[in-house]
Amino acid sequence: MFEPSAQITSLLTAIAVKESAAAGMRAMMHREQEFPSPTQAMLTGIALDPYGRAYADELLDTSWADEQRQQELLSAERPHRDVIIGSGFHAATYAAVRVLSGHPKPLVLERSARVGGSFAMTTRPVFHLNSRNRAGSAGLAGDQGTSPNYLPGAPIQAANVSMTEYQTNTDMAFVIRLALAQFANVVPHATVLSVSQGDPGAEVAIEGRASLPAGRVIDARGLGDPAGQNVANSTTILTYPQFMHRMAGRWPLRGVRRVAVIGGGDSARCAVESCLGLAPQPFMAAAALDQVQRIDWYAEDLPRTCDQWRDDSRGRYQGIGRYLRPDRFGVRRLTVLPRRAQPVALPGVGLIDGRTYDLVIVCTGNQETTIDGLNLGDFYEYTTADGTVVAREHYELPAFRVGPHARLPFTARERADGIADIAANAVSMFRTASKTAALAATLPAVPLT
């Protein structure tokens, strides 16, 4: 039987007494027998009700932001606990599997105010996931009987949250946040500066707070920070996260007629979808008022015509292809320009190769933020008993890198199965989730001495 944590219990109690937020929870109890436990049925009902989910998110944020609770967690004498850096998908996976394997709750340190990682960068939906929404447990993307968006051990799964073919970022964020509320102690606004040798274990230095002893450190920071921060000015030239925050606000495309997108990865594709109206509906936006008329996409190695796009691009982004051809009057909204670009900020516009744009979105990848003691070169590949590489282990410290932050190479099996044919699969959840779960399930308890 699923036993809810104190935080989950408090959340359910608060929602039950708020009439406008409890409708989904009450409705789902008519199908309680279809769930492993009544708690999971109630959480699913909350997730499916927009009012219930919004209130639940608010309650979680309030709970995690409580300063007294944070101080109690950080000052507790628990030198043998696991400390996780980052609060995204892989932090939740590790915490859930670790606790379900009989170990104490880890402490999760999140540098930002909002818990949930990159999927929780906004409170409103702004982009779709890459993998299709299916019921089932963990597995590869091509296996129709599994769910590529499965979070091992979570109280509810992404498939519980909606029936859309490609779910939104906030769908996955809610699943992650519930898993952390159940299986971890979370402290936001905790920026880790360094990790060094402790006595025993490790010593974690946190900006503005006292150092924290840890028995083991799990570095689950994800893909990193946007690489284009040096050219962005936060107004006319934006990084991908800055643009997504804009899309979550009011009138996000007001006055935007000409847009440039720089980069050819999934972030750039999501940015293009937002400009074309293919992304989740923005808040207070309408085509009659806010339509982007021209999008120049600066990216090498991308298809330039509709036919090429549909032949070469994965199904998730097929909708973009139809905008690569002109309409009956010869007007074309989207043009791929196969070259690199360096934007320049001018008053009120961005400039690229002599062309001015109302908005330039820089999607040129990510870079790692340095934490002293946790450089990639200090880690080696860590394998489980069956020889599978599931993480990277530090040469000297009791520390591991997991998820995309570990930069795990494709295995021979993944190459044979065609997983490696798509470069973006290197950081896909369906590939990395099971590896993080295997690490959490097999690591021994931190020795007491």
Protein backbone atom coordinates (compact mmCIF):
# COMPACT_ATOMS: atom_id res chain seq x y z
CA MET A 1 0.00 0.00 0.00
CA PHE A 2 1.26 3.46 -0.92
CA GLU A 3 1.94 5.48 2.24
CA PRO A 4 1.85 9.24 1.54
CA SER A 5 4.55 11.44 3.00
CA ALA A 6 3.69 14.17 5.50
CA GLN A 7 3.97 16.76 2.72
CA ILE A 8 1.63 14.84 0.41
CA THR A 9 -0.83 14.26 3.26
CA SER A 10 -0.84 17.96 4.08
CA LEU A 11 -1.40 18.80 0.42
CA LEU A 12 -4.37 16.43 0.12
CA THR A 13 -5.92 17.79 3.31
CA ALA A 14 -5.61 21.40 2.14
CA ILE A 15 -7.14 20.65 -1.25
CA ALA A 16 -10.01 18.62 0.22
CA VAL A 17 -11.31 21.65 2.14
CA LYS A 18 -11.06 24.06 -0.80
CA GLU A 19 -14.22 23.55 -2.85
CA SER A 20 -12.92 25.00 -6.13
CA ALA A 21 -9.80 22.82 -6.09
CA ALA A 22 -11.24 19.51 -4.90
CA ALA A 23 -13.62 18.68 -7.77
CA GLY A 24 -11.15 16.55 -9.71
CA MET A 25 -10.00 14.71 -6.60
CA ARG A 26 -13.58 13.84 -5.64
CA ALA A 27 -14.49 12.78 -9.17
CA MET A 28 -11.52 10.42 -9.44
CA MET A 29 -12.61 8.54 -6.33
CA HIS A 30 -15.37 6.99 -8.46
CA ARG A 31 -12.54 5.06 -10.16
CA GLU A 32 -10.49 4.45 -7.02
CA GLN A 33 -10.39 0.68 -7.64
CA GLU A 34 -8.36 1.21 -10.81
CA PHE A 35 -5.42 2.65 -8.84
CA PRO A 36 -2.87 1.00 -6.57
CA SER A 37 -4.05 3.18 -3.67
CA PRO A 38 -6.66 5.86 -2.86
CA THR A 39 -3.86 8.43 -2.49
CA GLN A 40 -2.69 7.87 -6.05
CA ALA A 41 -6.27 8.15 -7.29
CA MET A 42 -6.65 11.49 -5.51
CA LEU A 43 -3.35 12.81 -6.86
CA THR A 44 -4.42 11.85 -10.39
CA GLY A 45 -7.71 13.69 -9.93
CA ILE A 46 -5.83 16.78 -8.78
CA ALA A 47 -3.50 16.57 -11.78
CA LEU A 48 -6.40 16.35 -14.23
CA ASP A 49 -8.25 19.36 -12.79
CA PRO A 50 -6.62 22.69 -13.78
CA TYR A 51 -7.81 24.43 -10.61
CA GLY A 52 -6.72 21.57 -8.38
CA ARG A 53 -3.32 21.32 -10.02
CA ALA A 54 -2.68 25.06 -9.82
CA TYR A 55 -3.57 25.09 -6.12
CA ALA A 56 -1.42 22.02 -5.46
CA ASP A 57 1.53 23.71 -7.18
CA GLU A 58 1.00 26.78 -5.01
CA LEU A 59 0.91 24.67 -1.85
CA LEU A 60 4.10 22.83 -2.80
CA ASP A 61 5.94 26.08 -3.52
CA THR A 62 4.83 27.54 -0.20
CA SER A 63 5.92 24.45 1.70
CA TRP A 64 9.35 24.31 0.08
CA ALA A 65 9.90 28.05 0.55
CA ASP A 66 9.37 27.92 4.31
CA GLU A 67 12.63 29.26 5.76
CA GLN A 68 12.31 27.54 9.12
CA ARG A 69 11.81 24.17 7.44
CA GLN A 70 14.84 24.80 5.22
CA GLN A 71 17.03 25.65 8.21
CA GLU A 72 15.93 22.52 10.05
CA LEU A 73 16.81 20.35 7.06
CA LEU A 74 20.20 21.97 6.52
CA SER A 75 21.20 21.95 10.17
CA ALA A 76 20.06 18.39 10.92
CA GLU A 77 22.97 16.14 11.95
CA ARG A 78 22.75 13.59 9.15
CA PRO A 79 26.28 13.23 7.78
CA HIS A 80 25.46 9.90 6.11
CA ARG A 81 22.56 11.01 3.94
CA ASP A 82 22.56 11.36 0.16
CA VAL A 83 22.58 14.96 -1.07
CA ILE A 84 21.28 15.58 -4.60
CA ILE A 85 22.25 18.69 -6.55
CA GLY A 86 19.35 19.73 -8.81
CA SER A 87 15.61 19.03 -8.55
CA GLY A 88 14.71 17.80 -12.02
CA PHE A 89 13.64 14.50 -13.53
CA HIS A 90 16.74 12.52 -12.51
CA ALA A 91 16.79 13.92 -8.99
CA ALA A 92 13.21 12.69 -8.59
CA THR A 93 14.06 9.31 -10.14
CA TYR A 94 17.02 8.75 -7.84
CA ALA A 95 15.09 9.86 -4.75
CA ALA A 96 12.05 7.69 -5.51
CA VAL A 97 13.96 4.52 -6.26
CA ARG A 98 16.35 5.08 -3.37
CA VAL A 99 13.56 5.42 -0.80
CA LEU A 100 11.57 2.53 -2.26
CA SER A 101 14.75 0.44 -1.94
CA GLY A 102 14.70 1.00 1.81
CA HIS A 103 17.03 3.97 2.25
CA PRO A 104 16.34 7.34 3.98
CA LYS A 105 15.06 10.34 2.06
CA PRO A 106 17.83 12.27 0.30
CA LEU A 107 18.23 16.01 0.64
CA VAL A 108 17.70 17.87 -2.65
CA LEU A 109 19.38 21.24 -3.20
CA GLU A 110 17.86 23.45 -5.90
CA ARG A 111 19.50 26.78 -6.76
CA SER A 112 16.35 28.44 -8.15
CA ALA A 113 13.12 29.35 -6.38
CA ARG A 114 11.01 26.81 -8.30
CA VAL A 115 11.46 23.07 -7.81
CA GLY A 116 11.20 20.67 -10.76
CA GLY A 117 14.13 21.35 -13.09
CA SER A 118 13.86 22.49 -16.71
CA PHE A 119 10.29 21.21 -17.08
CA ALA A 120 9.24 23.52 -14.25
CA MET A 121 10.90 26.61 -15.74
CA THR A 122 7.41 28.08 -16.17
CA THR A 123 4.12 27.66 -14.31
CA ARG A 124 2.18 27.74 -17.59
CA PRO A 125 2.73 25.19 -20.40
CA VAL A 126 5.09 26.55 -23.06
CA PHE A 127 6.52 23.53 -24.89
CA HIS A 128 5.71 19.90 -25.64
CA LEU A 129 7.73 16.84 -24.67
CA ASN A 130 9.62 15.00 -27.41
CA SER A 131 8.22 11.53 -26.74
CA ARG A 132 4.63 10.40 -27.26
CA ASN A 133 2.29 10.01 -24.33
CA ARG A 134 1.62 6.33 -23.63
CA ALA A 135 0.63 4.25 -20.66
CA GLY A 136 3.08 1.63 -19.40
CA SER A 137 6.34 1.36 -17.52
CA ALA A 138 9.86 2.36 -18.51
CA GLY A 139 11.21 1.31 -21.90
CA LEU A 140 12.60 2.40 -25.23
CA ALA A 141 10.82 4.91 -27.45
CA GLY A 142 10.00 2.36 -30.15
CA ASP A 143 8.31 -0.08 -27.77
CA GLN A 144 4.58 0.65 -27.95
CA GLY A 145 3.95 -1.17 -24.67
CA THR A 146 6.08 1.21 -22.61
CA SER A 147 6.07 4.90 -21.72
CA PRO A 148 9.12 6.96 -22.75
CA ASN A 149 8.08 9.58 -20.18
CA TYR A 150 7.96 7.14 -17.26
CA LEU A 151 9.47 8.34 -13.97
CA PRO A 152 10.47 5.22 -11.98
CA GLY A 153 8.80 5.07 -8.58
CA ALA A 154 6.73 8.27 -8.92
CA PRO A 155 3.33 8.38 -7.15
CA ILE A 156 1.67 9.11 -10.51
CA GLN A 157 3.04 9.06 -14.06
CA ALA A 158 2.85 11.52 -16.92
CA ALA A 159 0.28 9.27 -18.59
CA ASN A 160 -2.05 10.01 -15.63
CA VAL A 161 -1.96 13.72 -16.34
CA SER A 162 -3.43 14.07 -19.85
CA MET A 163 -4.34 12.23 -23.05
CA THR A 164 -2.58 14.57 -25.49
CA GLU A 165 -0.20 12.94 -27.95
CA TYR A 166 2.71 15.10 -26.79
CA GLN A 167 2.39 16.39 -23.27
CA THR A 168 3.44 19.80 -22.04
CA ASN A 169 6.37 20.70 -19.84
CA THR A 170 4.09 21.45 -16.90
CA ASP A 171 2.56 17.96 -17.10
CA MET A 172 5.97 16.41 -16.48
CA ALA A 173 6.88 19.10 -13.96
CA PHE A 174 3.88 18.18 -11.80
CA VAL A 175 4.85 14.50 -11.82
CA ILE A 176 8.42 15.40 -10.81
CA ARG A 177 7.30 17.75 -8.05
CA LEU A 178 4.93 15.15 -6.54
CA ALA A 179 7.71 12.56 -6.58
CA LEU A 180 10.03 14.93 -4.73
CA ALA A 181 7.29 15.80 -2.21
CA GLN A 182 6.89 12.09 -1.53
CA PHE A 183 10.47 10.86 -1.54
CA ALA A 184 12.82 13.77 -0.77
CA ASN A 185 13.49 16.75 1.46
CA VAL A 186 13.88 19.75 -0.84
CA VAL A 187 15.59 23.09 -0.21
CA PRO A 188 15.26 25.72 -2.98
CA HIS A 189 17.46 28.81 -3.24
CA ALA A 190 20.45 26.63 -2.36
CA THR A 191 23.33 27.24 -4.77
CA VAL A 192 26.14 24.72 -4.34
CA LEU A 193 29.57 26.34 -4.68
CA SER A 194 31.89 23.40 -4.04
CA VAL A 195 32.13 19.81 -2.88
CA SER A 196 35.21 18.67 -0.99
CA GLN A 197 36.42 15.77 1.10
CA GLY A 198 34.67 15.47 4.45
CA ASP A 199 35.26 13.44 7.57
CA PRO A 200 33.64 11.16 6.67
CA GLY A 201 31.98 11.55 3.27
CA ALA A 202 31.87 14.95 1.61
CA GLU A 203 31.45 18.59 2.57
CA VAL A 204 29.01 20.67 0.49
CA ALA A 205 29.49 24.44 0.47
CA ILE A 206 26.27 26.39 -0.18
CA GLU A 207 26.14 30.08 -1.05
CA GLY A 208 25.02 32.15 1.93
CA ARG A 209 24.60 29.12 4.18
CA ALA A 210 26.74 26.93 6.40
CA SER A 211 28.59 23.99 4.85
CA LEU A 212 26.67 20.73 4.80
CA PRO A 213 28.07 17.23 5.51
CA ALA A 214 27.00 14.52 3.07
CA GLY A 215 27.58 10.81 2.96
CA ARG A 216 27.20 10.82 -0.82
CA VAL A 217 26.61 13.50 -3.45
CA ILE A 218 24.47 12.90 -6.55
CA ASP A 219 25.08 15.55 -9.21
CA ALA A 220 21.82 15.66 -11.19
CA ARG A 221 22.03 19.13 -12.73
CA GLY A 222 20.72 18.18 -16.18
CA LEU A 223 21.82 19.79 -19.43
CA GLY A 224 23.31 22.95 -17.94
CA ASP A 225 22.79 26.65 -18.56
CA PRO A 226 22.18 28.23 -21.99
CA ALA A 227 25.36 28.85 -23.97
CA GLY A 228 24.14 32.15 -25.48
CA GLN A 229 23.98 34.20 -22.31
CA ASN A 230 26.93 36.35 -23.37
CA VAL A 231 25.03 37.80 -26.37
CA ALA A 232 21.54 37.98 -24.85
CA ASN A 233 20.29 41.32 -23.53
CA SER A 234 17.01 39.97 -22.06
CA THR A 235 14.87 42.24 -24.27
CA THR A 236 15.42 41.82 -28.01
CA ILE A 237 17.95 38.97 -27.81
CA LEU A 238 16.85 36.10 -25.57
CA THR A 239 18.18 32.72 -24.56
CA TYR A 240 15.79 29.79 -24.86
CA PRO A 241 14.77 29.85 -21.14
CA GLN A 242 14.25 33.61 -21.31
CA PHE A 243 12.02 33.18 -24.36
CA MET A 244 10.00 30.43 -22.66
CA HIS A 245 9.47 32.70 -19.65
CA ARG A 246 8.25 35.37 -22.04
CA MET A 247 5.83 32.90 -23.67
CA ALA A 248 4.40 32.14 -20.22
CA GLY A 249 3.60 35.82 -19.64
CA ARG A 250 0.87 38.11 -20.88
CA TRP A 251 0.94 39.23 -24.54
CA PRO A 252 4.22 37.35 -25.24
CA LEU A 253 4.29 38.11 -28.98
CA ARG A 254 2.82 41.61 -28.91
CA GLY A 255 4.59 43.78 -31.49
CA VAL A 256 6.74 40.86 -32.70
CA ARG A 257 6.58 40.52 -36.49
CA ARG A 258 10.11 39.46 -37.49
CA VAL A 259 11.93 36.78 -35.50
CA ALA A 260 15.31 35.09 -35.85
CA VAL A 261 16.02 31.72 -34.24
CA ILE A 262 19.65 30.62 -33.95
CA GLY A 263 20.45 26.93 -33.48
CA GLY A 264 19.26 23.61 -34.85
CA GLY A 265 18.45 21.50 -31.79
CA ASP A 266 15.24 20.65 -29.98
CA SER A 267 15.20 23.97 -28.12
CA ALA A 268 15.30 25.85 -31.43
CA ARG A 269 12.50 23.67 -32.78
CA CYS A 270 10.36 24.45 -29.73
CA ALA A 271 11.06 28.17 -30.17
CA VAL A 272 10.01 27.99 -33.82
CA GLU A 273 6.83 26.14 -32.82
CA SER A 274 5.99 28.94 -30.39
CA CYS A 275 6.37 31.56 -33.12
CA LEU A 276 4.24 29.52 -35.54
CA GLY A 277 1.44 28.80 -33.06
CA LEU A 278 2.24 25.07 -32.81
CA ALA A 279 3.23 25.16 -29.14
CA PRO A 280 0.78 25.19 -26.19
CA GLN A 281 -1.58 28.16 -26.34
CA PRO A 282 0.13 31.25 -24.87
CA PHE A 283 -1.56 33.32 -22.23
CA MET A 284 -3.57 36.18 -23.76
CA ALA A 285 -2.43 35.79 -27.37
CA ALA A 286 -4.44 35.67 -30.60
CA ALA A 287 -3.40 35.32 -34.25
CA ALA A 288 -5.34 38.42 -35.25
CA LEU A 289 -3.26 40.51 -32.85
CA ASP A 290 0.07 38.78 -32.41
CA GLN A 291 1.00 36.72 -35.47
CA VAL A 292 4.72 36.50 -36.32
CA GLN A 293 4.99 37.23 -40.03
CA ARG A 294 8.55 36.14 -40.75
CA ILE A 295 10.90 33.69 -39.04
CA ASP A 296 14.48 33.31 -40.20
CA TRP A 297 16.02 30.15 -38.78
CA TYR A 298 19.82 30.25 -38.72
CA ALA A 299 20.97 26.64 -38.48
CA GLU A 300 23.34 24.37 -40.31
CA ASP A 301 22.36 20.85 -41.43
CA LEU A 302 18.59 21.39 -41.29
CA PRO A 303 16.21 20.56 -44.17
CA ARG A 304 15.30 23.68 -46.14
CA THR A 305 12.16 22.53 -47.98
CA CYS A 306 8.88 21.03 -46.86
CA ASP A 307 9.53 17.70 -48.59
CA GLN A 308 13.04 17.40 -47.15
CA TRP A 309 11.78 18.25 -43.70
CA ARG A 310 9.10 15.58 -43.76
CA ASP A 311 11.58 12.98 -45.00
CA ASP A 312 14.32 13.78 -42.49
CA SER A 313 12.64 15.07 -39.31
CA ARG A 314 11.18 13.02 -36.48
CA GLY A 315 7.42 12.84 -36.09
CA ARG A 316 7.29 15.15 -33.10
CA TYR A 317 8.27 18.16 -35.27
CA GLN A 318 6.53 17.30 -38.56
CA GLY A 319 4.15 20.25 -38.22
CA ILE A 320 7.00 22.70 -38.80
CA GLY A 321 7.56 21.38 -42.32
CA ARG A 322 4.47 22.89 -43.91
CA TYR A 323 5.74 26.40 -43.14
CA LEU A 324 8.85 25.79 -45.24
CA ARG A 325 6.87 26.25 -48.44
CA PRO A 326 5.26 29.43 -49.80
CA ASP A 327 1.52 29.85 -49.92
CA ARG A 328 -0.39 30.45 -53.18
CA PHE A 329 0.71 34.09 -53.15
CA GLY A 330 4.37 33.21 -52.71
CA VAL A 331 4.54 34.28 -49.07
CA ARG A 332 6.66 32.09 -46.83
CA ARG A 333 6.71 32.57 -43.05
CA LEU A 334 9.64 30.29 -42.25
CA THR A 335 13.03 30.21 -43.96
CA VAL A 336 16.03 28.09 -42.98
CA LEU A 337 19.32 29.90 -43.53
CA PRO A 338 22.14 27.30 -43.40
CA ARG A 339 24.80 29.33 -41.68
CA ARG A 340 25.92 30.45 -38.28
CA ALA A 341 24.83 33.81 -36.92
CA GLN A 342 26.07 36.25 -34.30
CA PRO A 343 23.40 38.73 -33.23
CA VAL A 344 24.08 42.31 -32.24
CA ALA A 345 21.79 44.25 -29.92
CA LEU A 346 20.64 47.62 -31.30
CA PRO A 347 18.13 49.96 -29.64
CA GLY A 348 14.80 48.11 -29.85
CA VAL A 349 15.91 45.41 -32.32
CA GLY A 350 18.42 42.62 -32.90
CA LEU A 351 20.73 42.71 -35.91
CA ILE A 352 22.02 39.72 -37.92
CA ASP A 353 23.89 40.10 -41.21
CA GLY A 354 22.32 43.52 -41.81
CA ARG A 355 18.77 42.28 -41.11
CA THR A 356 16.87 43.65 -38.14
CA TYR A 357 14.50 41.56 -36.03
CA ASP A 358 11.99 42.38 -33.34
CA LEU A 359 13.21 39.34 -31.44
CA VAL A 360 16.24 37.03 -31.68
CA ILE A 361 16.13 33.69 -29.84
CA VAL A 362 19.52 32.08 -29.19
CA CYS A 363 19.28 28.28 -28.90
CA THR A 364 22.93 27.28 -29.28
CA GLY A 365 23.14 24.54 -26.68
CA ASN A 366 24.11 24.43 -23.04
CA GLN A 367 27.21 24.77 -20.94
CA GLU A 368 28.05 23.48 -17.51
CA THR A 369 28.18 25.80 -14.51
CA THR A 370 31.30 25.01 -12.53
CA ILE A 371 31.10 23.55 -9.05
CA ASP A 372 34.55 23.21 -7.52
CA GLY A 373 35.39 19.55 -6.99
CA LEU A 374 32.86 18.19 -9.49
CA ASN A 375 34.52 18.76 -12.86
CA LEU A 376 33.72 16.16 -15.51
CA GLY A 377 37.39 15.12 -15.75
CA ASP A 378 37.26 14.02 -12.10
CA PHE A 379 34.77 11.26 -12.90
CA TYR A 380 34.97 7.87 -14.60
CA GLU A 381 32.28 5.58 -15.99
CA TYR A 382 30.46 3.59 -13.33
CA THR A 383 28.92 0.24 -14.23
CA THR A 384 26.45 -2.05 -12.49
CA ALA A 385 27.10 -5.76 -12.01
CA ASP A 386 25.89 -6.56 -15.55
CA GLY A 387 28.47 -4.21 -17.09
CA THR A 388 26.00 -1.43 -18.00
CA VAL A 389 27.33 2.12 -17.65
CA VAL A 390 24.69 3.93 -15.56
CA ALA A 391 26.54 6.97 -14.16
CA ARG A 392 29.95 8.52 -13.56
CA GLU A 393 31.75 8.12 -10.25
CA HIS A 394 34.26 10.57 -8.78
CA TYR A 395 37.83 9.33 -8.45
CA GLU A 396 38.21 10.59 -4.88
CA LEU A 397 34.91 11.90 -3.50
CA PRO A 398 31.76 9.88 -2.76
CA ALA A 399 30.00 11.58 -5.68
CA PHE A 400 28.20 10.51 -8.85
CA ARG A 401 26.92 12.26 -11.98
CA VAL A 402 23.58 11.01 -13.32
CA GLY A 403 21.26 11.68 -16.25
CA PRO A 404 22.32 13.96 -19.12
CA HIS A 405 24.83 15.61 -16.78
CA ALA A 406 26.80 12.35 -16.79
CA ARG A 407 27.27 12.48 -20.59
CA LEU A 408 27.02 8.72 -20.89
CA PRO A 409 28.13 7.24 -24.22
CA PHE A 410 25.82 5.10 -26.31
CA THR A 411 26.24 1.40 -25.64
CA ALA A 412 26.79 -1.20 -28.36
CA ARG A 413 23.23 -2.41 -27.78
CA GLU A 414 21.82 1.10 -28.21
CA ARG A 415 23.75 1.48 -31.46
CA ALA A 416 22.47 -1.85 -32.73
CA ASP A 417 18.89 -0.90 -31.81
CA GLY A 418 19.16 2.40 -33.69
CA ILE A 419 18.88 4.54 -30.55
CA ALA A 420 22.16 6.24 -31.41
CA ASP A 421 20.92 7.21 -34.90
CA ILE A 422 19.28 10.28 -33.36
CA ALA A 423 21.92 12.35 -31.56
CA ALA A 424 19.31 13.93 -29.27
CA ASN A 425 18.61 10.50 -27.76
CA ALA A 426 21.86 10.83 -25.82
CA VAL A 427 19.97 12.89 -23.24
CA SER A 428 16.48 11.40 -23.68
CA MET A 429 14.62 10.40 -20.53
CA PHE A 430 13.67 6.99 -21.92
CA ARG A 431 17.39 6.21 -22.23
CA THR A 432 18.73 7.75 -19.01
CA ALA A 433 15.90 7.16 -16.51
CA SER A 434 16.52 3.43 -16.17
CA LYS A 435 20.25 4.05 -15.69
CA THR A 436 19.65 6.48 -12.83
CA ALA A 437 17.12 4.09 -11.32
CA ALA A 438 19.63 1.22 -11.52
CA LEU A 439 22.23 3.31 -9.71
CA ALA A 440 19.77 4.24 -6.94
CA ALA A 441 18.66 0.63 -6.52
CA THR A 442 22.13 -0.91 -6.35
CA LEU A 443 24.33 1.55 -4.44
CA PRO A 444 25.04 0.30 -0.94
CA ALA A 445 24.09 2.37 2.08
CA VAL A 446 26.62 4.99 3.11
CA PRO A 447 28.82 3.38 5.79
CA LEU A 448 28.33 4.80 9.28
CA THR A 449 32.08 5.12 9.86
